[in-house]
Protein backbone atom coordinates (compact mmCIF):
# COMPACT_ATOMS: atom_id res chain seq x y z
CA MET A 1 2.64 79.47 -34.73
CA LYS A 2 5.12 76.66 -35.00
CA ASP A 3 3.06 74.36 -32.77
CA VAL A 4 0.11 74.37 -35.23
CA VAL A 5 -0.39 72.71 -38.61
CA ALA A 6 -3.34 73.43 -40.89
CA VAL A 7 -4.83 70.46 -42.72
CA ILE A 8 -6.90 71.64 -45.68
CA LEU A 9 -9.25 69.02 -47.13
CA ALA A 10 -9.28 69.84 -50.85
CA GLY A 11 -9.85 66.54 -52.62
CA GLY A 12 -13.44 67.16 -53.72
CA ARG A 13 -14.15 67.29 -57.45
CA GLY A 14 -17.42 69.15 -56.91
CA LYS A 15 -19.77 67.34 -59.28
CA ARG A 16 -22.52 69.82 -58.50
CA MET A 17 -20.29 72.60 -59.83
CA HIS A 18 -20.76 71.04 -63.29
CA SER A 19 -17.03 71.25 -63.90
CA MET A 20 -14.11 68.87 -64.30
CA GLN A 21 -11.96 71.25 -62.29
CA CYS A 22 -11.22 70.55 -58.64
CA LYS A 23 -13.77 72.42 -56.54
CA ALA A 24 -11.17 74.27 -54.46
CA LEU A 25 -9.74 75.87 -57.62
CA HIS A 26 -12.96 77.64 -58.59
CA LYS A 27 -12.54 81.37 -58.21
CA VAL A 28 -14.17 83.85 -55.90
CA ALA A 29 -13.33 87.49 -56.70
CA ASP A 30 -10.47 86.48 -59.01
CA ARG A 31 -8.75 84.15 -56.54
CA THR A 32 -9.26 80.44 -56.05
CA MET A 33 -11.08 79.22 -52.97
CA LEU A 34 -7.90 77.39 -51.99
CA ASP A 35 -5.89 80.63 -52.20
CA TRP A 36 -8.36 82.42 -49.94
CA THR A 37 -8.03 79.57 -47.43
CA LEU A 38 -4.24 79.73 -47.57
CA ASP A 39 -4.42 83.50 -47.08
CA ALA A 40 -6.53 83.05 -43.94
CA CYS A 41 -4.06 80.52 -42.53
CA GLN A 42 -1.10 82.75 -43.28
CA LEU A 43 -2.72 85.84 -41.72
CA ALA A 44 -3.64 83.74 -38.66
CA GLY A 45 0.05 82.96 -38.19
CA ILE A 46 -0.03 79.30 -39.25
CA GLU A 47 3.20 78.45 -41.06
CA ASN A 48 2.81 74.75 -41.83
CA ILE A 49 0.10 73.60 -44.24
CA ILE A 50 -0.89 70.16 -45.49
CA VAL A 51 -3.28 70.14 -48.45
CA VAL A 52 -5.09 66.82 -48.83
CA VAL A 53 -5.95 66.08 -52.46
CA SER A 54 -7.42 63.17 -54.38
CA ALA A 55 -5.32 60.83 -56.48
CA HIS A 56 -6.47 62.74 -59.58
CA SER A 57 -5.82 66.30 -58.40
CA ASP A 58 -2.99 67.21 -60.76
CA ASP A 59 -4.59 70.63 -61.20
CA ILE A 60 -4.09 71.43 -57.50
CA ARG A 61 -0.52 70.16 -57.60
CA GLN A 62 0.23 72.43 -60.54
CA HIS A 63 -1.47 75.35 -58.87
CA LEU A 64 0.50 74.94 -55.64
CA ALA A 65 3.74 74.60 -57.60
CA ARG A 66 3.13 78.17 -58.78
CA ASP A 67 2.01 79.32 -55.34
CA GLY A 68 3.38 82.59 -53.99
CA HIS A 69 2.49 82.14 -50.31
CA ALA A 70 5.24 82.34 -47.71
CA LEU A 71 4.14 79.02 -46.25
CA ASN A 72 5.50 75.51 -45.88
CA ILE A 73 2.99 73.60 -48.00
CA ASP A 74 2.95 69.82 -48.24
CA ILE A 75 0.58 67.61 -50.21
CA ALA A 76 -1.06 64.44 -48.88
CA VAL A 77 -3.06 62.10 -51.11
CA GLN A 78 -6.38 60.48 -50.26
CA ASN A 79 -6.41 57.55 -52.66
CA GLU A 80 -10.16 56.93 -52.50
CA PRO A 81 -13.02 59.27 -51.49
CA LEU A 82 -13.91 57.47 -48.28
CA GLY A 83 -14.87 60.50 -46.18
CA THR A 84 -13.40 63.39 -44.25
CA ALA A 85 -11.86 61.25 -41.50
CA ASP A 86 -10.06 59.20 -44.13
CA ALA A 87 -8.83 62.44 -45.72
CA ALA A 88 -7.49 63.64 -42.38
CA ALA A 89 -5.80 60.27 -41.85
CA ALA A 90 -3.95 60.75 -45.14
CA ALA A 91 -2.28 63.82 -43.63
CA MET A 92 -1.18 62.13 -40.40
CA PRO A 93 2.23 60.81 -41.56
CA ARG A 94 3.32 64.37 -42.35
CA VAL A 95 1.70 65.69 -39.15
CA ARG A 96 3.89 63.27 -37.20
CA GLU A 97 7.00 64.44 -39.03
CA LEU A 98 6.22 68.08 -38.25
CA ASN A 99 5.73 67.17 -34.59
CA THR A 100 3.16 69.90 -34.02
CA ARG A 101 0.91 69.87 -30.98
CA TYR A 102 -2.27 71.08 -32.67
CA ALA A 103 -3.99 70.64 -36.00
CA VAL A 104 -6.48 73.06 -37.47
CA ILE A 105 -8.59 71.06 -39.92
CA LEU A 106 -10.66 72.94 -42.46
CA PRO A 107 -12.30 72.35 -45.84
CA GLY A 108 -10.97 73.92 -49.01
CA ASP A 109 -14.35 75.37 -49.97
CA LEU A 110 -14.75 78.10 -47.33
CA PRO A 111 -13.36 81.05 -49.31
CA ASN A 112 -14.63 83.69 -46.90
CA LEU A 113 -13.31 82.22 -43.67
CA GLN A 114 -11.45 85.01 -41.87
CA ALA A 115 -8.06 84.82 -40.15
CA SER A 116 -9.62 86.41 -37.06
CA THR A 117 -11.94 83.41 -36.72
CA LEU A 118 -9.04 80.97 -36.97
CA LYS A 119 -7.15 82.97 -34.35
CA LYS A 120 -10.18 82.83 -32.07
CA MET A 121 -10.20 79.04 -32.37
CA MET A 122 -6.52 78.81 -31.47
CA LEU A 123 -6.36 81.52 -28.82
CA LYS A 124 -7.18 79.22 -25.91
CA ARG A 125 -5.92 75.99 -27.40
CA ALA A 126 -5.12 73.33 -24.84
CA GLN A 127 -4.02 69.73 -24.98
CA LYS A 128 -7.30 68.60 -23.43
CA GLN A 129 -9.81 70.57 -25.50
CA ILE A 130 -11.18 70.61 -29.04
CA PHE A 131 -12.61 73.73 -30.64
CA CYS A 132 -15.36 73.33 -33.22
CA LEU A 133 -16.65 76.12 -35.48
CA THR A 134 -20.43 76.33 -35.77
CA VAL A 135 -23.02 78.80 -37.03
CA ASN A 136 -26.76 79.30 -36.65
CA ARG A 137 -28.80 79.39 -39.84
CA ASP A 138 -32.52 79.92 -40.27
CA GLU A 139 -32.37 77.43 -43.15
CA PRO A 140 -29.74 74.86 -42.09
CA ALA A 141 -30.17 72.81 -45.29
CA ALA A 142 -28.16 69.60 -45.54
CA TYR A 143 -25.42 70.48 -43.05
CA GLY A 144 -24.60 68.40 -39.99
CA ARG A 145 -26.56 69.41 -36.88
CA VAL A 146 -24.79 70.33 -33.64
CA ILE A 147 -26.05 68.54 -30.51
CA ARG A 148 -25.06 70.29 -27.29
CA ASN A 149 -24.47 68.96 -23.79
CA GLU A 150 -26.26 70.62 -20.87
CA ASP A 151 -23.10 72.61 -20.08
CA GLY A 152 -23.02 74.08 -23.61
CA THR A 153 -20.19 71.97 -24.96
CA VAL A 154 -20.71 69.95 -28.14
CA ALA A 155 -21.90 66.39 -27.52
CA ARG A 156 -21.90 65.24 -31.14
CA ILE A 157 -22.55 66.25 -34.71
CA VAL A 158 -25.19 64.39 -36.65
CA GLU A 159 -24.81 64.36 -40.42
CA PHE A 160 -27.95 65.38 -42.29
CA LYS A 161 -28.51 61.91 -43.76
CA ASP A 162 -28.50 60.44 -40.26
CA CYS A 163 -30.73 63.04 -38.57
CA THR A 164 -33.95 62.09 -36.83
CA PRO A 165 -37.06 64.13 -37.76
CA GLU A 166 -36.53 66.18 -34.58
CA GLN A 167 -32.85 66.87 -35.27
CA ILE A 168 -33.66 68.21 -38.73
CA PHE A 169 -35.09 71.34 -37.07
CA ILE A 170 -31.88 72.20 -35.18
CA LYS A 171 -30.51 75.46 -36.56
CA GLU A 172 -26.93 75.26 -35.27
CA ILE A 173 -24.81 73.54 -37.88
CA ASN A 174 -21.28 72.25 -38.20
CA VAL A 175 -18.92 74.27 -40.41
CA GLY A 176 -16.20 71.62 -40.68
CA VAL A 177 -13.41 73.61 -39.00
CA TYR A 178 -11.72 72.18 -35.90
CA SER A 179 -8.73 72.89 -33.68
CA VAL A 180 -7.60 69.54 -32.32
CA PRO A 181 -4.62 68.32 -30.28
CA THR A 182 -2.68 66.11 -32.67
CA ALA A 183 -2.16 63.41 -30.03
CA PHE A 184 -5.92 63.04 -29.67
CA LEU A 185 -6.45 63.16 -33.44
CA GLU A 186 -4.03 60.29 -33.96
CA SER A 187 -5.78 58.16 -31.35
CA ALA A 188 -9.31 59.02 -32.53
CA LEU A 189 -9.04 58.51 -36.30
CA PRO A 190 -8.59 54.70 -36.15
CA ARG A 191 -11.69 54.49 -33.93
CA ILE A 192 -13.99 56.06 -36.52
CA SER A 193 -16.16 53.63 -38.45
CA ASN A 194 -18.27 53.99 -41.60
CA ASP A 195 -21.43 52.65 -39.98
CA ASN A 196 -23.72 55.38 -41.29
CA ALA A 197 -26.11 56.08 -44.14
CA ALA A 198 -23.36 57.16 -46.54
CA HIS A 199 -20.87 54.44 -45.48
CA GLU A 200 -18.19 57.11 -45.12
CA TYR A 201 -15.64 57.82 -42.40
CA TYR A 202 -16.88 61.09 -40.91
CA LEU A 203 -14.44 63.36 -39.11
CA THR A 204 -17.41 64.61 -37.10
CA ASP A 205 -17.43 61.27 -35.25
CA MET A 206 -14.32 62.39 -33.35
CA ILE A 207 -16.59 64.75 -31.37
CA GLU A 208 -18.45 61.84 -29.80
CA ILE A 209 -15.15 60.03 -29.22
CA ALA A 210 -13.80 63.12 -27.44
CA ASN A 211 -16.84 63.13 -25.15
CA GLU A 212 -16.31 59.45 -24.38
CA ASP A 213 -12.69 60.26 -23.48
CA GLY A 214 -13.70 63.16 -21.25
CA MET A 215 -12.30 65.82 -23.58
CA PRO A 216 -14.51 68.94 -23.82
CA VAL A 217 -15.48 70.14 -27.30
CA ILE A 218 -15.87 73.92 -27.16
CA PRO A 219 -18.09 75.55 -29.79
CA VAL A 220 -16.93 78.74 -31.48
CA VAL A 221 -20.00 80.32 -33.07
CA ALA A 222 -19.43 82.37 -36.20
CA GLU A 223 -21.39 85.63 -36.19
CA ASP A 224 -22.04 85.84 -39.93
CA PRO A 225 -23.29 82.77 -41.82
CA GLY A 226 -21.83 84.25 -45.02
CA GLU A 227 -18.30 83.90 -43.68
CA VAL A 228 -18.61 80.16 -43.22
CA MET A 229 -20.87 79.22 -46.12
CA GLY A 230 -19.51 76.24 -48.02
CA VAL A 231 -19.56 76.27 -51.81
CA ASN A 232 -21.02 73.26 -53.62
CA THR A 233 -22.91 74.76 -56.57
CA PRO A 234 -22.47 77.63 -59.07
CA ASP A 235 -25.21 79.56 -57.23
CA GLU A 236 -23.36 79.21 -53.93
CA LEU A 237 -20.16 80.30 -55.65
CA ALA A 238 -21.91 83.48 -56.83
CA THR A 239 -23.26 84.11 -53.30
CA ALA A 240 -19.77 83.64 -51.83
CA GLU A 241 -18.35 86.12 -54.33
CA SER A 242 -21.02 88.67 -53.44
CA TRP A 243 -20.14 88.36 -49.75
CA ARG A 244 -16.42 88.64 -50.48
CA ARG A 245 -16.85 91.79 -52.54
CA LYS A 246 -18.77 93.44 -49.70
CA LEU A 247 -15.62 93.13 -47.58
CA SER A 248 -13.72 95.44 -49.92
CA LEU A 249 -16.40 98.17 -50.03
């Protein structure tokens, strides 16, 4: 798919992993989480990849230098950890150079995300639609809650720290994977502010901007929460590995 670029947000150090290593380089079933993500992109037919790293991610640079994927992989640097929208903005100069029509944005800590799910998000891609991956969880924890419009499209995503007491009980959560027309992404990113509890630039704010612009945000609901479980702690890493090993049985 030459009209698509994948932007992998992999700058997190993962303090809760109790490790100095970049979070995306922790291993699940003998492969790094970043490698599993690259595999999914490659199997989905995405040829161009931009990996967004922090200014201190020499370990990822070294890892990618030894990479064996048949992909065009570029590195973009987020100089300060100012949020996911700021990380996506760091990739935009290279996105412009590639001149792709769509960007698939995904975190580097979803090691079990399947290529079939990425394909589903890109199957009906259109210049006037955004696709957003969600999942329903009985215990939604500290993930962003998905607020739907009456027609079933996504109205906005509310980060956990900003949820009202009522929104806390919503079970549909944001996974952090989006298929977005690059023209819209370029116009939306400068309009995102850090007026929130964490004072970060949230990529999720582009959903509300899309609604303001009349662009539908179509939810793609993952069937298995294990496929789209993010990894932030050693316990979650072990759970992700257990799920991954079940795939090979």
